[in-house]
Amino acid sequence: MKLIKKVGNEKELGTNNVTIVYADRQCFERLRCKIITEDGKEIIVNLRGISLNDGDIFETDEGKLVLIKRKPEEVIAFSLNDLSEAFKLGFELGNMHMRVMLRNNEVIIPTDMGKELLLEKLKEYKPYTKKEVFIPNLEPTVVMINF
C-alpha cells in the first residue's frame, strides 16, 4: 500500500475510519520509509516535495485513510538548574553537532551516537533516559567558508 496524497490532519478531520500507524523520526526526516501496520500490512512512504507532520492523514492507493503519528524513542535528558552547568553542557553538545530539543529547563538529545557513549561522556551533567517523541527545536548553526 502506498501513500498518494495528503488529505489533512487529525485536528481537522478527526480519527474516524482512519488507520493509525506510528513512524520513527527518520521516516519523518527522510520522507521515505516502510511502516508496518498493527495487522501486518506494509505502507510505503515516499513523499518527495510533501512535508510530513505528526498527525497528518493520507489517502492510500487502495482508497484507505492513514493517520501517521510519531513513535516515541529512547532519548537522553538533562535538567538544567544552574546557568554555568547549562553553558558547559551547551558547549559539549555543540562540539558534537547534536540536534537538541529544549523544553522549559530540560535539554533532550537523541541516542543516535550511542546511548552508553553519551551517558558516559556527559555523566557530570546527570543525564537520564526516557521514552519521548523527539522533535529537535535547536540545531547548530552551520557556517560555510570558501577557500
N, C-alpha and C. Protein backbone atom coordinates (compact mmCIF):
# COMPACT_ATOMS: atom_id res chain seq x y z
N MET A 1 0.85 -1.16 0.00
CA MET A 1 0.00 0.00 0.00
C MET A 1 0.91 1.23 0.00
N LYS A 2 0.59 2.23 -0.83
CA LYS A 2 1.39 3.45 -0.92
C LYS A 2 0.54 4.66 -0.55
N LEU A 3 1.19 5.63 0.09
CA LEU A 3 0.52 6.90 0.33
C LEU A 3 0.52 7.68 -0.97
N ILE A 4 -0.63 8.27 -1.33
CA ILE A 4 -0.66 9.01 -2.59
C ILE A 4 -0.93 10.50 -2.42
N LYS A 5 -1.71 10.89 -1.41
CA LYS A 5 -1.90 12.33 -1.21
C LYS A 5 -2.31 12.64 0.22
N LYS A 6 -1.86 13.82 0.66
CA LYS A 6 -2.22 14.29 2.00
C LYS A 6 -3.62 14.89 1.92
N VAL A 7 -4.48 14.48 2.86
CA VAL A 7 -5.85 15.00 2.85
C VAL A 7 -6.13 15.92 4.04
N GLY A 8 -5.21 16.01 4.99
CA GLY A 8 -5.40 16.88 6.14
C GLY A 8 -4.66 16.34 7.34
N ASN A 9 -5.14 16.72 8.53
CA ASN A 9 -4.54 16.19 9.75
C ASN A 9 -5.63 15.84 10.75
N GLU A 10 -5.22 15.18 11.82
CA GLU A 10 -6.20 14.66 12.78
C GLU A 10 -6.98 15.77 13.47
N LYS A 11 -6.41 16.96 13.61
CA LYS A 11 -7.13 18.07 14.24
C LYS A 11 -8.30 18.52 13.37
N GLU A 12 -8.10 18.51 12.05
CA GLU A 12 -9.15 18.93 11.12
C GLU A 12 -10.18 17.83 10.87
N LEU A 13 -9.69 16.59 10.69
CA LEU A 13 -10.55 15.51 10.21
C LEU A 13 -10.95 14.49 11.27
N GLY A 14 -10.30 14.51 12.42
CA GLY A 14 -10.59 13.51 13.44
C GLY A 14 -9.97 12.17 13.09
N THR A 15 -10.37 11.13 13.81
CA THR A 15 -9.75 9.82 13.61
C THR A 15 -10.76 8.73 13.25
N ASN A 16 -11.97 9.09 12.87
CA ASN A 16 -12.95 8.08 12.46
C ASN A 16 -12.57 7.49 11.11
N ASN A 17 -12.71 6.18 10.98
CA ASN A 17 -12.43 5.46 9.73
C ASN A 17 -11.01 5.68 9.22
N VAL A 18 -10.07 5.80 10.15
CA VAL A 18 -8.67 6.04 9.81
C VAL A 18 -7.82 4.96 10.46
N THR A 19 -6.84 4.43 9.71
CA THR A 19 -5.87 3.50 10.28
C THR A 19 -4.73 4.33 10.86
N ILE A 20 -4.43 4.13 12.14
CA ILE A 20 -3.35 4.87 12.79
C ILE A 20 -2.08 4.03 12.74
N VAL A 21 -1.00 4.64 12.25
CA VAL A 21 0.31 3.97 12.22
C VAL A 21 1.34 4.89 12.88
N TYR A 22 2.40 4.26 13.39
CA TYR A 22 3.45 5.00 14.07
C TYR A 22 4.75 4.87 13.29
N ALA A 23 5.38 6.02 13.00
CA ALA A 23 6.63 6.04 12.24
C ALA A 23 7.73 6.63 13.10
N ASP A 24 8.96 6.16 12.89
CA ASP A 24 10.07 6.70 13.66
C ASP A 24 10.52 8.05 13.10
N ARG A 25 11.38 8.72 13.85
CA ARG A 25 11.84 10.06 13.49
C ARG A 25 12.50 10.09 12.13
N GLN A 26 13.26 9.05 11.79
CA GLN A 26 13.95 9.01 10.50
C GLN A 26 12.96 9.05 9.34
N CYS A 27 11.83 8.43 9.49
CA CYS A 27 10.80 8.46 8.44
C CYS A 27 10.29 9.89 8.25
N PHE A 28 10.09 10.61 9.34
CA PHE A 28 9.63 12.00 9.25
C PHE A 28 10.69 12.90 8.62
N GLU A 29 11.96 12.59 8.86
CA GLU A 29 13.04 13.42 8.33
C GLU A 29 13.37 13.09 6.88
N ARG A 30 13.38 11.82 6.53
CA ARG A 30 13.78 11.39 5.18
C ARG A 30 12.62 11.37 4.19
N LEU A 31 11.41 11.23 4.71
CA LEU A 31 10.19 11.15 3.89
C LEU A 31 10.15 9.91 3.01
N ARG A 32 11.00 8.94 3.31
CA ARG A 32 10.99 7.65 2.60
C ARG A 32 11.19 6.55 3.63
N CYS A 33 10.22 5.66 3.72
CA CYS A 33 10.35 4.54 4.66
C CYS A 33 9.22 3.55 4.42
N LYS A 34 9.28 2.47 5.16
CA LYS A 34 8.20 1.49 5.17
C LYS A 34 7.69 1.40 6.60
N ILE A 35 6.37 1.36 6.72
CA ILE A 35 5.73 1.25 8.02
C ILE A 35 4.87 0.00 8.00
N ILE A 36 4.95 -0.79 9.04
CA ILE A 36 4.11 -1.99 9.16
C ILE A 36 2.95 -1.67 10.09
N THR A 37 1.73 -1.90 9.62
CA THR A 37 0.54 -1.64 10.44
C THR A 37 0.40 -2.73 11.50
N GLU A 38 -0.49 -2.51 12.45
CA GLU A 38 -0.71 -3.50 13.51
C GLU A 38 -1.21 -4.83 12.95
N ASP A 39 -1.90 -4.80 11.81
CA ASP A 39 -2.38 -6.05 11.22
C ASP A 39 -1.40 -6.61 10.18
N GLY A 40 -0.15 -6.09 10.17
CA GLY A 40 0.91 -6.66 9.34
C GLY A 40 1.01 -6.16 7.91
N LYS A 41 0.21 -5.17 7.54
CA LYS A 41 0.29 -4.63 6.18
C LYS A 41 1.43 -3.62 6.09
N GLU A 42 2.05 -3.58 4.91
CA GLU A 42 3.16 -2.66 4.69
C GLU A 42 2.67 -1.40 4.00
N ILE A 43 3.06 -0.25 4.54
CA ILE A 43 2.74 1.03 3.92
C ILE A 43 4.06 1.65 3.46
N ILE A 44 4.11 2.04 2.20
CA ILE A 44 5.31 2.66 1.65
C ILE A 44 5.12 4.17 1.67
N VAL A 45 6.07 4.85 2.32
CA VAL A 45 6.07 6.31 2.39
C VAL A 45 7.17 6.81 1.46
N ASN A 46 6.80 7.57 0.45
CA ASN A 46 7.76 8.16 -0.48
C ASN A 46 7.20 9.52 -0.87
N LEU A 47 7.52 10.53 -0.07
CA LEU A 47 6.85 11.83 -0.16
C LEU A 47 7.77 12.93 -0.69
N ARG A 48 8.16 12.86 -1.89
CA ARG A 48 9.00 13.92 -2.45
C ARG A 48 8.18 15.20 -2.57
N GLY A 49 8.71 16.27 -1.98
CA GLY A 49 8.05 17.56 -2.09
C GLY A 49 6.84 17.76 -1.19
N ILE A 50 6.54 16.79 -0.34
CA ILE A 50 5.40 16.90 0.58
C ILE A 50 5.94 16.79 2.00
N SER A 51 5.57 17.73 2.85
CA SER A 51 6.03 17.66 4.24
C SER A 51 5.24 16.58 4.99
N LEU A 52 5.84 16.08 6.04
CA LEU A 52 5.19 15.06 6.88
C LEU A 52 5.24 15.55 8.32
N ASN A 53 4.07 15.75 8.89
CA ASN A 53 3.97 16.22 10.27
C ASN A 53 3.18 15.22 11.10
N ASP A 54 3.45 15.22 12.39
CA ASP A 54 2.75 14.34 13.30
C ASP A 54 1.25 14.60 13.19
N GLY A 55 0.48 13.54 12.93
CA GLY A 55 -0.96 13.67 12.84
C GLY A 55 -1.50 13.88 11.43
N ASP A 56 -0.62 13.88 10.42
CA ASP A 56 -1.09 14.03 9.04
C ASP A 56 -1.88 12.79 8.61
N ILE A 57 -2.90 13.02 7.81
CA ILE A 57 -3.73 11.94 7.27
C ILE A 57 -3.54 11.89 5.76
N PHE A 58 -3.27 10.68 5.25
CA PHE A 58 -3.03 10.46 3.83
C PHE A 58 -4.03 9.46 3.28
N GLU A 59 -4.31 9.61 1.99
CA GLU A 59 -5.08 8.61 1.26
C GLU A 59 -4.08 7.66 0.63
N THR A 60 -4.41 6.36 0.62
CA THR A 60 -3.52 5.37 0.01
C THR A 60 -4.02 5.01 -1.38
N ASP A 61 -3.18 4.26 -2.10
CA ASP A 61 -3.56 3.81 -3.44
C ASP A 61 -4.71 2.80 -3.39
N GLU A 62 -5.06 2.32 -2.20
CA GLU A 62 -6.21 1.41 -2.03
C GLU A 62 -7.46 2.16 -1.56
N GLY A 63 -7.36 3.50 -1.49
CA GLY A 63 -8.51 4.31 -1.09
C GLY A 63 -8.74 4.41 0.40
N LYS A 64 -7.81 3.92 1.21
CA LYS A 64 -7.95 3.97 2.66
C LYS A 64 -7.28 5.23 3.20
N LEU A 65 -7.70 5.64 4.40
CA LEU A 65 -7.09 6.78 5.07
C LEU A 65 -6.15 6.29 6.16
N VAL A 66 -4.96 6.90 6.20
CA VAL A 66 -3.93 6.51 7.17
C VAL A 66 -3.47 7.75 7.93
N LEU A 67 -3.49 7.66 9.25
CA LEU A 67 -3.01 8.72 10.13
C LEU A 67 -1.62 8.34 10.59
N ILE A 68 -0.64 9.21 10.37
CA ILE A 68 0.74 8.91 10.76
C ILE A 68 1.11 9.71 12.00
N LYS A 69 1.50 8.97 13.04
CA LYS A 69 1.92 9.57 14.31
C LYS A 69 3.40 9.28 14.53
N ARG A 70 4.06 10.18 15.26
CA ARG A 70 5.47 9.96 15.60
C ARG A 70 5.57 8.91 16.71
N LYS A 71 6.53 8.01 16.53
CA LYS A 71 6.77 6.96 17.52
C LYS A 71 7.72 7.50 18.59
N PRO A 72 7.39 7.33 19.86
CA PRO A 72 8.34 7.73 20.91
C PRO A 72 9.63 6.91 20.79
N GLU A 73 10.75 7.53 21.14
CA GLU A 73 12.05 6.85 21.08
C GLU A 73 12.80 7.10 22.39
N GLU A 74 13.81 6.29 22.63
CA GLU A 74 14.62 6.50 23.81
C GLU A 74 15.51 7.72 23.59
N VAL A 75 15.48 8.64 24.55
CA VAL A 75 16.27 9.86 24.48
C VAL A 75 17.04 10.02 25.79
N ILE A 76 18.00 10.93 25.76
CA ILE A 76 18.75 11.29 26.96
C ILE A 76 18.34 12.71 27.33
N ALA A 77 18.04 12.93 28.60
CA ALA A 77 17.58 14.24 29.05
C ALA A 77 18.44 14.74 30.20
N PHE A 78 18.46 16.05 30.33
CA PHE A 78 19.21 16.73 31.39
C PHE A 78 18.31 17.81 31.97
N SER A 79 18.25 17.91 33.29
CA SER A 79 17.54 19.01 33.94
C SER A 79 18.54 20.11 34.21
N LEU A 80 18.21 21.32 33.79
CA LEU A 80 19.13 22.44 33.94
C LEU A 80 18.65 23.37 35.05
N ASN A 81 19.47 23.51 36.07
CA ASN A 81 19.12 24.40 37.17
C ASN A 81 20.20 25.43 37.43
N ASP A 82 21.36 25.26 36.81
CA ASP A 82 22.50 26.13 37.05
C ASP A 82 22.97 26.69 35.71
N LEU A 83 23.11 28.01 35.62
CA LEU A 83 23.49 28.66 34.37
C LEU A 83 24.86 28.21 33.87
N SER A 84 25.81 28.08 34.77
CA SER A 84 27.16 27.65 34.39
C SER A 84 27.14 26.23 33.83
N GLU A 85 26.42 25.35 34.50
CA GLU A 85 26.30 23.96 34.03
C GLU A 85 25.59 23.90 32.68
N ALA A 86 24.56 24.72 32.51
CA ALA A 86 23.83 24.76 31.24
C ALA A 86 24.75 25.22 30.11
N PHE A 87 25.58 26.21 30.38
CA PHE A 87 26.51 26.70 29.36
C PHE A 87 27.51 25.62 28.97
N LYS A 88 28.07 24.93 29.97
CA LYS A 88 29.05 23.87 29.68
C LYS A 88 28.42 22.73 28.89
N LEU A 89 27.20 22.34 29.26
CA LEU A 89 26.50 21.28 28.52
C LEU A 89 26.25 21.73 27.08
N GLY A 90 25.83 22.97 26.90
CA GLY A 90 25.61 23.50 25.56
C GLY A 90 26.88 23.48 24.73
N PHE A 91 28.00 23.80 25.35
CA PHE A 91 29.29 23.77 24.67
C PHE A 91 29.63 22.34 24.24
N GLU A 92 29.43 21.38 25.14
CA GLU A 92 29.70 19.96 24.83
C GLU A 92 28.83 19.48 23.68
N LEU A 93 27.53 19.76 23.75
CA LEU A 93 26.61 19.30 22.70
C LEU A 93 26.90 20.00 21.38
N GLY A 94 27.28 21.26 21.43
CA GLY A 94 27.65 21.98 20.22
C GLY A 94 28.87 21.39 19.56
N ASN A 95 29.85 20.99 20.36
CA ASN A 95 31.06 20.35 19.81
C ASN A 95 30.74 19.03 19.13
N MET A 96 29.67 18.38 19.57
CA MET A 96 29.27 17.11 18.95
C MET A 96 28.25 17.33 17.83
N HIS A 97 27.92 18.60 17.54
CA HIS A 97 26.94 18.94 16.50
C HIS A 97 25.62 18.22 16.73
N MET A 98 25.21 18.17 17.98
CA MET A 98 23.98 17.46 18.36
C MET A 98 22.74 18.28 18.05
N ARG A 99 21.71 17.60 17.59
CA ARG A 99 20.39 18.21 17.48
C ARG A 99 19.77 18.14 18.87
N VAL A 100 19.09 19.19 19.26
CA VAL A 100 18.63 19.31 20.64
C VAL A 100 17.16 19.72 20.67
N MET A 101 16.48 19.19 21.66
CA MET A 101 15.12 19.64 21.96
C MET A 101 15.17 20.29 23.33
N LEU A 102 14.75 21.53 23.41
CA LEU A 102 14.77 22.27 24.66
C LEU A 102 13.33 22.54 25.08
N ARG A 103 13.01 22.13 26.32
CA ARG A 103 11.66 22.35 26.83
C ARG A 103 11.77 22.74 28.30
N ASN A 104 11.31 23.95 28.60
CA ASN A 104 11.42 24.50 29.95
C ASN A 104 12.88 24.43 30.39
N ASN A 105 13.19 23.77 31.49
CA ASN A 105 14.57 23.65 31.96
C ASN A 105 15.15 22.28 31.65
N GLU A 106 14.70 21.66 30.58
CA GLU A 106 15.16 20.32 30.22
C GLU A 106 15.73 20.32 28.80
N VAL A 107 16.91 19.72 28.67
CA VAL A 107 17.54 19.52 27.37
C VAL A 107 17.40 18.05 27.02
N ILE A 108 16.95 17.76 25.80
CA ILE A 108 16.72 16.38 25.37
C ILE A 108 17.49 16.15 24.08
N ILE A 109 18.24 15.03 24.03
CA ILE A 109 19.01 14.69 22.84
C ILE A 109 18.70 13.25 22.43
N PRO A 110 18.86 12.94 21.14
CA PRO A 110 18.64 11.55 20.71
C PRO A 110 19.83 10.68 21.09
N THR A 111 19.65 9.39 21.02
CA THR A 111 20.74 8.45 21.34
C THR A 111 21.43 7.95 20.08
N ASP A 112 21.30 8.70 18.97
CA ASP A 112 21.87 8.28 17.69
C ASP A 112 23.36 7.96 17.75
N MET A 113 24.11 8.69 18.57
CA MET A 113 25.56 8.49 18.65
C MET A 113 25.94 7.32 19.56
N GLY A 114 24.97 6.71 20.18
CA GLY A 114 25.22 5.61 21.10
C GLY A 114 24.88 6.01 22.52
N LYS A 115 23.89 5.36 23.08
CA LYS A 115 23.40 5.72 24.40
C LYS A 115 24.49 5.62 25.46
N GLU A 116 25.18 4.49 25.51
CA GLU A 116 26.19 4.30 26.56
C GLU A 116 27.33 5.30 26.44
N LEU A 117 27.77 5.56 25.21
CA LEU A 117 28.84 6.54 24.98
C LEU A 117 28.42 7.92 25.47
N LEU A 118 27.22 8.35 25.13
CA LEU A 118 26.74 9.67 25.54
C LEU A 118 26.53 9.75 27.05
N LEU A 119 25.97 8.70 27.64
CA LEU A 119 25.77 8.71 29.09
C LEU A 119 27.10 8.82 29.83
N GLU A 120 28.12 8.13 29.33
CA GLU A 120 29.45 8.19 29.95
C GLU A 120 30.09 9.55 29.74
N LYS A 121 30.07 10.04 28.52
CA LYS A 121 30.73 11.31 28.18
C LYS A 121 30.09 12.49 28.90
N LEU A 122 28.78 12.43 29.13
CA LEU A 122 28.06 13.57 29.71
C LEU A 122 27.59 13.31 31.14
N LYS A 123 28.22 12.34 31.82
CA LYS A 123 27.75 11.93 33.15
C LYS A 123 27.80 13.04 34.19
N GLU A 124 28.70 14.00 34.04
CA GLU A 124 28.79 15.08 35.03
C GLU A 124 27.54 15.98 35.03
N TYR A 125 26.73 15.90 33.97
CA TYR A 125 25.51 16.70 33.88
C TYR A 125 24.27 15.93 34.33
N LYS A 126 24.49 14.76 34.92
CA LYS A 126 23.43 13.90 35.48
C LYS A 126 22.35 13.55 34.45
N PRO A 127 22.74 12.90 33.36
CA PRO A 127 21.76 12.53 32.34
C PRO A 127 20.85 11.40 32.81
N TYR A 128 19.67 11.35 32.24
CA TYR A 128 18.75 10.23 32.49
C TYR A 128 18.06 9.92 31.17
N THR A 129 17.60 8.68 31.05
CA THR A 129 16.95 8.27 29.81
C THR A 129 15.44 8.18 30.02
N LYS A 130 14.72 8.35 28.92
CA LYS A 130 13.27 8.20 28.94
C LYS A 130 12.80 8.01 27.51
N LYS A 131 11.56 7.61 27.35
CA LYS A 131 10.96 7.48 26.01
C LYS A 131 10.12 8.71 25.76
N GLU A 132 10.33 9.30 24.58
CA GLU A 132 9.62 10.52 24.23
C GLU A 132 9.68 10.73 22.73
N VAL A 133 8.71 11.46 22.21
CA VAL A 133 8.77 11.87 20.81
C VAL A 133 9.80 12.98 20.73
N PHE A 134 10.86 12.76 19.95
CA PHE A 134 11.94 13.74 19.83
C PHE A 134 11.73 14.60 18.59
N ILE A 135 11.50 15.88 18.82
CA ILE A 135 11.37 16.85 17.73
C ILE A 135 12.35 17.98 18.03
N PRO A 136 13.51 17.97 17.36
CA PRO A 136 14.52 18.99 17.66
C PRO A 136 13.99 20.39 17.38
N ASN A 137 14.25 21.30 18.33
CA ASN A 137 13.87 22.69 18.11
C ASN A 137 15.07 23.62 18.20
N LEU A 138 16.26 23.05 18.37
CA LEU A 138 17.52 23.80 18.31
C LEU A 138 18.52 22.99 17.51
N GLU A 139 19.13 23.61 16.53
CA GLU A 139 20.14 22.92 15.73
C GLU A 139 21.37 23.80 15.65
N PRO A 140 22.55 23.19 15.54
CA PRO A 140 23.77 24.00 15.44
C PRO A 140 23.75 24.85 14.17
N THR A 141 24.29 26.05 14.29
CA THR A 141 24.42 26.93 13.14
C THR A 141 25.57 26.44 12.28
N VAL A 142 25.35 26.37 10.99
CA VAL A 142 26.40 25.93 10.07
C VAL A 142 26.91 27.15 9.31
N VAL A 143 28.22 27.32 9.31
CA VAL A 143 28.85 28.41 8.58
C VAL A 143 29.72 27.80 7.50
N MET A 144 29.46 28.20 6.26
CA MET A 144 30.25 27.70 5.13
C MET A 144 31.37 28.69 4.84
N ILE A 145 32.58 28.18 4.76
CA ILE A 145 33.74 29.03 4.45
C ILE A 145 34.33 28.57 3.13
N ASN A 146 34.44 29.50 2.20
CA ASN A 146 35.05 29.20 0.91
C ASN A 146 36.53 29.56 0.95
N PHE A 147 37.36 28.67 0.49
CA PHE A 147 38.80 28.94 0.46
C PHE A 147 39.24 29.21 -0.95
